[in-house]
Amino acid sequence: LPEPGDTRFEIYDVRGRLVRTLVDGTLGVGPHQVPWDGRDDRGLSQASGVYFGKLTLPGGGEKVGKMALIR
């Protein structure tokens, strides 16, 4: 992260539905790793396929990336 502050990282399915929120809090400057176990917020296993990760940065910037969940 380029600056410390409130950060949010969410996983969405291809239909745009929120699957899981992995980070919702304050993080410091620098690189971070956040593992995802392939489960949703209720603990249910998700199907293999394409998902999108949305990172909301301190100051309001956003970045979105595509990922594949392979089981």
N, C-alpha and C. Protein backbone atom coordinates (compact mmCIF):
# COMPACT_ATOMS: atom_id res chain seq x y z
N LEU A 1 0.84 -1.18 0.00
CA LEU A 1 0.00 0.00 0.00
C LEU A 1 0.88 1.24 0.00
N PRO A 2 0.50 2.25 -0.73
CA PRO A 2 1.31 3.46 -0.81
C PRO A 2 1.22 4.35 0.44
N GLU A 3 0.15 4.21 1.18
CA GLU A 3 -0.02 4.99 2.41
C GLU A 3 -0.87 4.19 3.40
N PRO A 4 -0.68 4.43 4.70
CA PRO A 4 -1.49 3.71 5.68
C PRO A 4 -2.92 4.24 5.71
N GLY A 5 -3.83 3.39 6.16
CA GLY A 5 -5.21 3.85 6.32
C GLY A 5 -6.21 2.74 6.14
N ASP A 6 -7.49 3.15 6.12
CA ASP A 6 -8.58 2.20 5.98
C ASP A 6 -8.53 1.54 4.60
N THR A 7 -8.53 0.23 4.61
CA THR A 7 -8.39 -0.56 3.40
C THR A 7 -9.45 -1.65 3.40
N ARG A 8 -9.93 -1.96 2.21
CA ARG A 8 -10.94 -3.01 2.08
C ARG A 8 -10.57 -3.88 0.88
N PHE A 9 -10.64 -5.20 1.05
CA PHE A 9 -10.40 -6.12 -0.06
C PHE A 9 -11.55 -7.11 -0.10
N GLU A 10 -12.26 -7.13 -1.24
CA GLU A 10 -13.46 -7.96 -1.39
C GLU A 10 -13.33 -8.85 -2.63
N ILE A 11 -13.97 -10.00 -2.55
CA ILE A 11 -14.03 -10.94 -3.67
C ILE A 11 -15.46 -10.94 -4.22
N TYR A 12 -15.59 -10.81 -5.54
CA TYR A 12 -16.89 -10.81 -6.22
C TYR A 12 -16.93 -11.94 -7.24
N ASP A 13 -18.13 -12.49 -7.48
CA ASP A 13 -18.27 -13.48 -8.54
C ASP A 13 -18.51 -12.76 -9.87
N VAL A 14 -18.62 -13.52 -10.96
CA VAL A 14 -18.76 -12.91 -12.29
C VAL A 14 -20.09 -12.18 -12.47
N ARG A 15 -21.05 -12.45 -11.61
CA ARG A 15 -22.33 -11.73 -11.67
C ARG A 15 -22.31 -10.44 -10.86
N GLY A 16 -21.19 -10.17 -10.21
CA GLY A 16 -21.06 -8.94 -9.43
C GLY A 16 -21.52 -9.04 -8.00
N ARG A 17 -21.81 -10.26 -7.54
CA ARG A 17 -22.25 -10.45 -6.16
C ARG A 17 -21.04 -10.56 -5.24
N LEU A 18 -21.11 -9.90 -4.10
CA LEU A 18 -20.05 -9.97 -3.11
C LEU A 18 -20.01 -11.39 -2.54
N VAL A 19 -18.83 -12.01 -2.61
CA VAL A 19 -18.65 -13.36 -2.09
C VAL A 19 -18.01 -13.31 -0.71
N ARG A 20 -16.95 -12.51 -0.57
CA ARG A 20 -16.25 -12.49 0.71
C ARG A 20 -15.51 -11.17 0.88
N THR A 21 -15.50 -10.67 2.10
CA THR A 21 -14.68 -9.53 2.47
C THR A 21 -13.49 -10.08 3.25
N LEU A 22 -12.30 -9.90 2.70
CA LEU A 22 -11.10 -10.45 3.33
C LEU A 22 -10.40 -9.44 4.24
N VAL A 23 -10.48 -8.17 3.89
CA VAL A 23 -9.87 -7.11 4.70
C VAL A 23 -10.88 -5.98 4.82
N ASP A 24 -11.04 -5.48 6.04
CA ASP A 24 -11.88 -4.30 6.28
C ASP A 24 -11.33 -3.63 7.53
N GLY A 25 -10.27 -2.86 7.34
CA GLY A 25 -9.65 -2.22 8.49
C GLY A 25 -8.42 -1.44 8.07
N THR A 26 -7.66 -1.03 9.06
CA THR A 26 -6.49 -0.21 8.84
C THR A 26 -5.25 -1.07 8.60
N LEU A 27 -4.54 -0.78 7.52
CA LEU A 27 -3.29 -1.45 7.21
C LEU A 27 -2.18 -0.42 7.05
N GLY A 28 -0.95 -0.86 7.27
CA GLY A 28 0.20 0.03 7.14
C GLY A 28 0.73 0.04 5.71
N VAL A 29 1.73 0.88 5.51
CA VAL A 29 2.39 1.01 4.21
C VAL A 29 3.13 -0.27 3.87
N GLY A 30 3.18 -0.62 2.58
CA GLY A 30 3.98 -1.74 2.14
C GLY A 30 3.15 -2.87 1.58
N PRO A 31 3.85 -3.95 1.20
CA PRO A 31 3.15 -5.11 0.62
C PRO A 31 2.42 -5.93 1.69
N HIS A 32 1.33 -6.53 1.29
CA HIS A 32 0.53 -7.37 2.18
C HIS A 32 0.07 -8.60 1.40
N GLN A 33 -0.08 -9.71 2.08
CA GLN A 33 -0.65 -10.92 1.48
C GLN A 33 -1.90 -11.29 2.25
N VAL A 34 -2.95 -11.62 1.50
CA VAL A 34 -4.22 -11.99 2.12
C VAL A 34 -4.69 -13.29 1.45
N PRO A 35 -4.55 -14.42 2.12
CA PRO A 35 -5.00 -15.68 1.51
C PRO A 35 -6.52 -15.79 1.50
N TRP A 36 -7.04 -16.46 0.48
CA TRP A 36 -8.47 -16.75 0.40
C TRP A 36 -8.61 -18.25 0.29
N ASP A 37 -9.39 -18.84 1.16
CA ASP A 37 -9.57 -20.29 1.20
C ASP A 37 -10.68 -20.80 0.27
N GLY A 38 -11.23 -19.93 -0.56
CA GLY A 38 -12.27 -20.34 -1.50
C GLY A 38 -13.66 -20.43 -0.89
N ARG A 39 -13.83 -19.83 0.29
CA ARG A 39 -15.14 -19.85 0.96
C ARG A 39 -15.74 -18.45 0.97
N ASP A 40 -17.07 -18.40 1.08
CA ASP A 40 -17.74 -17.11 1.17
C ASP A 40 -17.80 -16.64 2.62
N ASP A 41 -18.45 -15.52 2.87
CA ASP A 41 -18.54 -14.96 4.22
C ASP A 41 -19.30 -15.86 5.19
N ARG A 42 -20.12 -16.79 4.66
CA ARG A 42 -20.86 -17.72 5.53
C ARG A 42 -20.10 -19.02 5.76
N GLY A 43 -18.92 -19.16 5.11
CA GLY A 43 -18.12 -20.35 5.28
C GLY A 43 -18.40 -21.44 4.26
N LEU A 44 -19.23 -21.13 3.26
CA LEU A 44 -19.58 -22.11 2.24
C LEU A 44 -18.53 -22.13 1.13
N SER A 45 -18.13 -23.31 0.71
CA SER A 45 -17.15 -23.47 -0.35
C SER A 45 -17.72 -22.97 -1.68
N GLN A 46 -16.91 -22.24 -2.43
CA GLN A 46 -17.34 -21.68 -3.71
C GLN A 46 -16.84 -22.55 -4.86
N ALA A 47 -17.54 -22.49 -5.97
CA ALA A 47 -17.20 -23.29 -7.14
C ALA A 47 -15.95 -22.76 -7.83
N SER A 48 -15.26 -23.64 -8.53
CA SER A 48 -14.15 -23.22 -9.37
C SER A 48 -14.67 -22.24 -10.40
N GLY A 49 -13.84 -21.28 -10.76
CA GLY A 49 -14.24 -20.31 -11.78
C GLY A 49 -13.51 -19.01 -11.63
N VAL A 50 -14.00 -17.99 -12.33
CA VAL A 50 -13.40 -16.67 -12.33
C VAL A 50 -14.05 -15.80 -11.26
N TYR A 51 -13.22 -15.08 -10.53
CA TYR A 51 -13.67 -14.14 -9.50
C TYR A 51 -12.89 -12.84 -9.68
N PHE A 52 -13.38 -11.80 -9.05
CA PHE A 52 -12.71 -10.51 -9.12
C PHE A 52 -12.39 -10.02 -7.72
N GLY A 53 -11.18 -9.53 -7.54
CA GLY A 53 -10.77 -8.94 -6.27
C GLY A 53 -10.80 -7.44 -6.40
N LYS A 54 -11.45 -6.78 -5.45
CA LYS A 54 -11.55 -5.32 -5.47
C LYS A 54 -10.86 -4.78 -4.22
N LEU A 55 -9.82 -3.98 -4.44
CA LEU A 55 -9.06 -3.36 -3.36
C LEU A 55 -9.43 -1.89 -3.30
N THR A 56 -9.99 -1.45 -2.17
CA THR A 56 -10.28 -0.05 -1.95
C THR A 56 -9.18 0.51 -1.06
N LEU A 57 -8.46 1.49 -1.60
CA LEU A 57 -7.27 2.03 -0.96
C LEU A 57 -7.60 3.22 -0.06
N PRO A 58 -6.71 3.51 0.90
CA PRO A 58 -6.88 4.73 1.68
C PRO A 58 -6.93 5.93 0.73
N GLY A 59 -7.81 6.84 0.98
CA GLY A 59 -7.97 7.99 0.10
C GLY A 59 -9.01 7.77 -0.99
N GLY A 60 -9.58 6.56 -1.08
CA GLY A 60 -10.69 6.31 -1.99
C GLY A 60 -10.35 5.68 -3.32
N GLY A 61 -9.08 5.44 -3.64
CA GLY A 61 -8.74 4.78 -4.90
C GLY A 61 -9.17 3.32 -4.88
N GLU A 62 -9.39 2.77 -6.07
CA GLU A 62 -9.79 1.36 -6.19
C GLU A 62 -8.98 0.67 -7.28
N LYS A 63 -8.73 -0.60 -7.07
CA LYS A 63 -8.09 -1.45 -8.06
C LYS A 63 -8.86 -2.75 -8.11
N VAL A 64 -9.07 -3.27 -9.32
CA VAL A 64 -9.80 -4.53 -9.50
C VAL A 64 -8.93 -5.47 -10.33
N GLY A 65 -8.89 -6.72 -9.91
CA GLY A 65 -8.13 -7.73 -10.66
C GLY A 65 -8.91 -9.03 -10.78
N LYS A 66 -8.66 -9.73 -11.87
CA LYS A 66 -9.34 -11.01 -12.12
C LYS A 66 -8.49 -12.14 -11.56
N MET A 67 -9.16 -13.16 -11.01
CA MET A 67 -8.47 -14.33 -10.48
C MET A 67 -9.28 -15.58 -10.78
N ALA A 68 -8.60 -16.71 -10.74
CA ALA A 68 -9.27 -17.98 -10.99
C ALA A 68 -9.16 -18.84 -9.74
N LEU A 69 -10.27 -19.42 -9.33
CA LEU A 69 -10.28 -20.38 -8.25
C LEU A 69 -10.33 -21.76 -8.89
N ILE A 70 -9.29 -22.55 -8.65
CA ILE A 70 -9.18 -23.87 -9.25
C ILE A 70 -9.17 -24.90 -8.14
N ARG A 71 -10.07 -25.84 -8.19
CA ARG A 71 -10.15 -26.88 -7.15
C ARG A 71 -9.69 -28.20 -7.71
